[in-house]
């Protein structure tokens, strides 16, 4: 029996909010995202030269090796200023601290929100690893229609986007199982 557990309390009783910021499942999801992100980037670095394309689905999807030295969606990519890589890495680290602070305030039952945060956390860490290690983020998924290209992105970006969507579902209450009263 745990020290803070009463004799009548079941072993798997919910812990107080903030007990485990995102929990073991969340950490597993985040770690899987980081691993998948770094593995795909390593494969791209090894097999596709910078600015080269590998056509996957003609007219729709290429793997294109590009470097994002800016922020999300390539913002600040073409802007140069002293310590740019370090400043962007610090901002990304502060965002991670904000995610952790938000996660600590979630109720234990907010599983959908925790999954969303885990996806965001994994994506943010995956991109932060690049920023710290090489000074840029490797992006490679190039989705396009005809001549219209969307932003080139990576596994980490996808996880962040999906995580934000999951968080929106949670905020709208779409993942809640509210008991119905008769």
Protein backbone atom coordinates (compact mmCIF):
# COMPACT_ATOMS: atom_id res chain seq x y z
CA UNK A 1 0.00 0.00 0.00
CA UNK A 2 1.30 3.47 -0.90
CA UNK A 3 2.14 5.88 1.91
CA UNK A 4 -0.60 8.31 0.86
CA UNK A 5 -3.18 5.57 0.30
CA UNK A 6 -5.87 4.87 2.88
CA UNK A 7 -6.83 1.26 3.64
CA UNK A 8 -10.22 1.68 1.95
CA UNK A 9 -8.78 3.31 -1.18
CA UNK A 10 -8.20 1.03 -4.19
CA UNK A 11 -4.66 0.77 -5.54
CA UNK A 12 -5.54 2.36 -8.85
CA UNK A 13 -7.37 5.34 -7.34
CA UNK A 14 -6.84 8.58 -9.24
CA UNK A 15 -3.85 10.57 -8.08
CA UNK A 16 -4.12 14.29 -7.38
CA UNK A 17 -3.84 16.64 -10.36
CA UNK A 18 -0.23 17.16 -11.36
CA UNK A 19 0.90 13.84 -9.78
CA UNK A 20 2.36 12.71 -13.11
CA UNK A 21 2.49 15.55 -15.59
CA UNK A 22 1.42 13.47 -18.58
CA UNK A 23 1.81 9.97 -17.19
CA UNK A 24 3.60 6.90 -18.47
CA UNK A 25 1.42 6.59 -21.56
CA UNK A 26 2.07 10.22 -22.41
CA UNK A 27 5.79 9.84 -21.96
CA UNK A 28 5.69 6.72 -24.14
CA UNK A 29 3.82 8.60 -26.87
CA UNK A 30 6.24 11.55 -26.67
CA UNK A 31 9.27 9.25 -26.77
CA UNK A 32 7.86 7.35 -29.77
CA UNK A 33 7.31 10.64 -31.62
CA UNK A 34 10.88 11.80 -30.89
CA UNK A 35 12.29 8.44 -32.00
CA UNK A 36 10.22 8.32 -35.21
CA UNK A 37 11.05 11.95 -35.99
CA UNK A 38 14.79 11.53 -35.50
CA UNK A 39 14.85 8.20 -37.38
CA UNK A 40 13.07 9.62 -40.44
CA UNK A 41 15.34 12.67 -40.44
CA UNK A 42 18.44 10.43 -40.25
CA UNK A 43 17.19 8.41 -43.24
CA UNK A 44 16.53 11.61 -45.22
CA UNK A 45 19.94 13.06 -44.39
CA UNK A 46 21.57 9.82 -45.55
CA UNK A 47 19.62 9.32 -48.79
CA UNK A 48 18.34 12.67 -50.09
CA UNK A 49 20.73 15.54 -50.76
CA UNK A 50 19.86 19.04 -49.59
CA UNK A 51 17.14 20.55 -51.85
CA UNK A 52 16.70 17.29 -53.78
CA UNK A 53 13.28 15.65 -54.24
CA UNK A 54 12.24 12.04 -54.12
CA UNK A 55 8.84 11.71 -55.83
CA UNK A 56 6.50 9.46 -53.84
CA UNK A 57 3.13 10.23 -55.47
CA UNK A 58 3.51 12.32 -58.66
CA UNK A 59 1.57 15.57 -58.45
CA UNK A 60 0.85 15.13 -54.73
CA UNK A 61 3.75 14.06 -52.48
CA UNK A 62 7.53 14.37 -52.55
CA UNK A 63 10.21 13.86 -49.96
CA UNK A 64 12.25 17.07 -50.19
CA UNK A 65 15.31 17.78 -48.06
CA UNK A 66 15.07 21.35 -46.73
CA UNK A 67 16.44 23.12 -43.68
CA UNK A 68 14.24 25.35 -41.57
CA UNK A 69 16.42 27.80 -39.68
CA UNK A 70 13.38 29.80 -38.63
CA UNK A 71 10.37 29.11 -36.47
CA UNK A 72 7.14 27.29 -37.28
CA UNK A 73 6.10 27.33 -40.95
CA UNK A 74 9.49 28.77 -41.89
CA UNK A 75 8.81 32.11 -40.19
CA UNK A 76 12.09 34.00 -39.84
CA UNK A 77 13.75 31.49 -42.18
CA UNK A 78 15.20 34.19 -44.41
CA UNK A 79 15.86 36.65 -41.59
CA UNK A 80 19.39 36.67 -40.18
CA UNK A 81 20.28 38.05 -36.76
CA UNK A 82 22.95 37.27 -34.14
CA UNK A 83 22.37 34.08 -32.13
CA UNK A 84 19.24 33.23 -34.15
CA UNK A 85 19.52 29.46 -33.61
CA UNK A 86 20.11 29.89 -29.88
CA UNK A 87 17.25 32.36 -29.43
CA UNK A 88 14.80 30.10 -31.29
CA UNK A 89 15.99 27.12 -29.19
CA UNK A 90 15.43 29.10 -25.97
CA UNK A 91 11.93 30.09 -27.12
CA UNK A 92 11.18 26.43 -27.93
CA UNK A 93 12.46 25.39 -24.50
CA UNK A 94 10.23 27.99 -22.84
CA UNK A 95 7.28 26.60 -24.80
CA UNK A 96 8.11 23.14 -23.42
CA UNK A 97 8.10 24.56 -19.88
CA UNK A 98 4.70 26.10 -20.61
CA UNK A 99 3.39 22.74 -21.87
CA UNK A 100 4.63 21.04 -18.70
CA UNK A 101 3.02 23.70 -16.50
CA UNK A 102 -0.28 23.30 -18.33
CA UNK A 103 -0.09 19.51 -18.12
CA UNK A 104 0.52 19.69 -14.36
CA UNK A 105 -2.85 21.43 -13.96
CA UNK A 106 -4.86 18.80 -15.81
CA UNK A 107 -7.16 16.56 -13.84
CA UNK A 108 -6.12 12.89 -13.87
CA UNK A 109 -9.21 11.98 -15.89
CA UNK A 110 -8.37 14.33 -18.75
CA UNK A 111 -6.81 11.58 -20.81
CA UNK A 112 -7.57 13.11 -24.20
CA UNK A 113 -5.85 16.35 -23.20
CA UNK A 114 -2.86 14.37 -21.92
CA UNK A 115 -2.57 12.50 -25.24
CA UNK A 116 -2.72 15.81 -27.11
CA UNK A 117 -0.04 17.28 -24.89
CA UNK A 118 2.11 14.17 -25.31
CA UNK A 119 1.94 14.55 -29.10
CA UNK A 120 2.83 18.24 -28.82
CA UNK A 121 5.62 17.49 -26.37
CA UNK A 122 7.12 14.76 -28.58
CA UNK A 123 7.00 17.00 -31.64
CA UNK A 124 8.48 19.98 -29.82
CA UNK A 125 11.31 17.87 -28.39
CA UNK A 126 11.99 16.27 -31.79
CA UNK A 127 12.42 19.67 -33.42
CA UNK A 128 14.36 21.04 -30.44
CA UNK A 129 16.87 18.18 -30.77
CA UNK A 130 17.55 19.37 -34.33
CA UNK A 131 17.84 23.02 -33.35
CA UNK A 132 20.33 22.27 -30.58
CA UNK A 133 22.32 19.62 -32.50
CA UNK A 134 22.59 21.21 -35.95
CA UNK A 135 21.06 24.71 -35.73
CA UNK A 136 18.07 24.00 -37.99
CA UNK A 137 15.11 21.66 -38.32
CA UNK A 138 15.12 19.17 -41.18
CA UNK A 139 11.77 19.21 -43.01
CA UNK A 140 10.99 16.78 -45.80
CA UNK A 141 7.28 16.01 -46.36
CA UNK A 142 6.25 18.12 -49.36
CA UNK A 143 2.52 17.91 -50.11
CA UNK A 144 1.38 19.78 -53.20
CA UNK A 145 -1.38 20.04 -55.76
CA UNK A 146 -0.21 21.05 -59.21
CA UNK A 147 2.07 24.02 -58.61
CA UNK A 148 0.68 24.87 -55.16
CA UNK A 149 3.03 23.61 -52.44
CA UNK A 150 2.11 23.64 -48.78
CA UNK A 151 4.76 24.12 -46.08
CA UNK A 152 7.29 21.31 -46.04
CA UNK A 153 7.07 19.56 -42.67
CA UNK A 154 8.29 16.52 -40.71
CA UNK A 155 7.04 13.88 -38.25
CA UNK A 156 7.45 16.26 -35.30
CA UNK A 157 5.37 18.95 -37.02
CA UNK A 158 2.68 16.38 -37.78
CA UNK A 159 2.57 15.29 -34.14
CA UNK A 160 2.27 18.91 -32.98
CA UNK A 161 -0.57 19.56 -35.43
CA UNK A 162 -2.44 16.39 -34.46
CA UNK A 163 -1.82 17.15 -30.77
CA UNK A 164 -3.34 20.62 -31.15
CA UNK A 165 -6.35 19.04 -32.87
CA UNK A 166 -6.74 16.54 -30.02
CA UNK A 167 -6.51 19.39 -27.50
CA UNK A 168 -9.24 21.26 -29.40
CA UNK A 169 -11.47 18.16 -29.27
CA UNK A 170 -10.85 18.00 -25.52
CA UNK A 171 -11.62 21.70 -25.03
CA UNK A 172 -14.86 21.28 -26.95
CA UNK A 173 -15.75 18.31 -24.76
CA UNK A 174 -15.86 15.90 -27.68
CA UNK A 175 -13.74 13.32 -25.86
CA UNK A 176 -15.66 13.46 -22.60
CA UNK A 177 -17.88 10.70 -21.38
CA UNK A 178 -20.32 12.61 -19.25
CA UNK A 179 -22.66 10.33 -17.32
CA UNK A 180 -26.26 10.78 -18.34
CA UNK A 181 -28.78 11.37 -15.60
CA UNK A 182 -32.27 9.94 -15.74
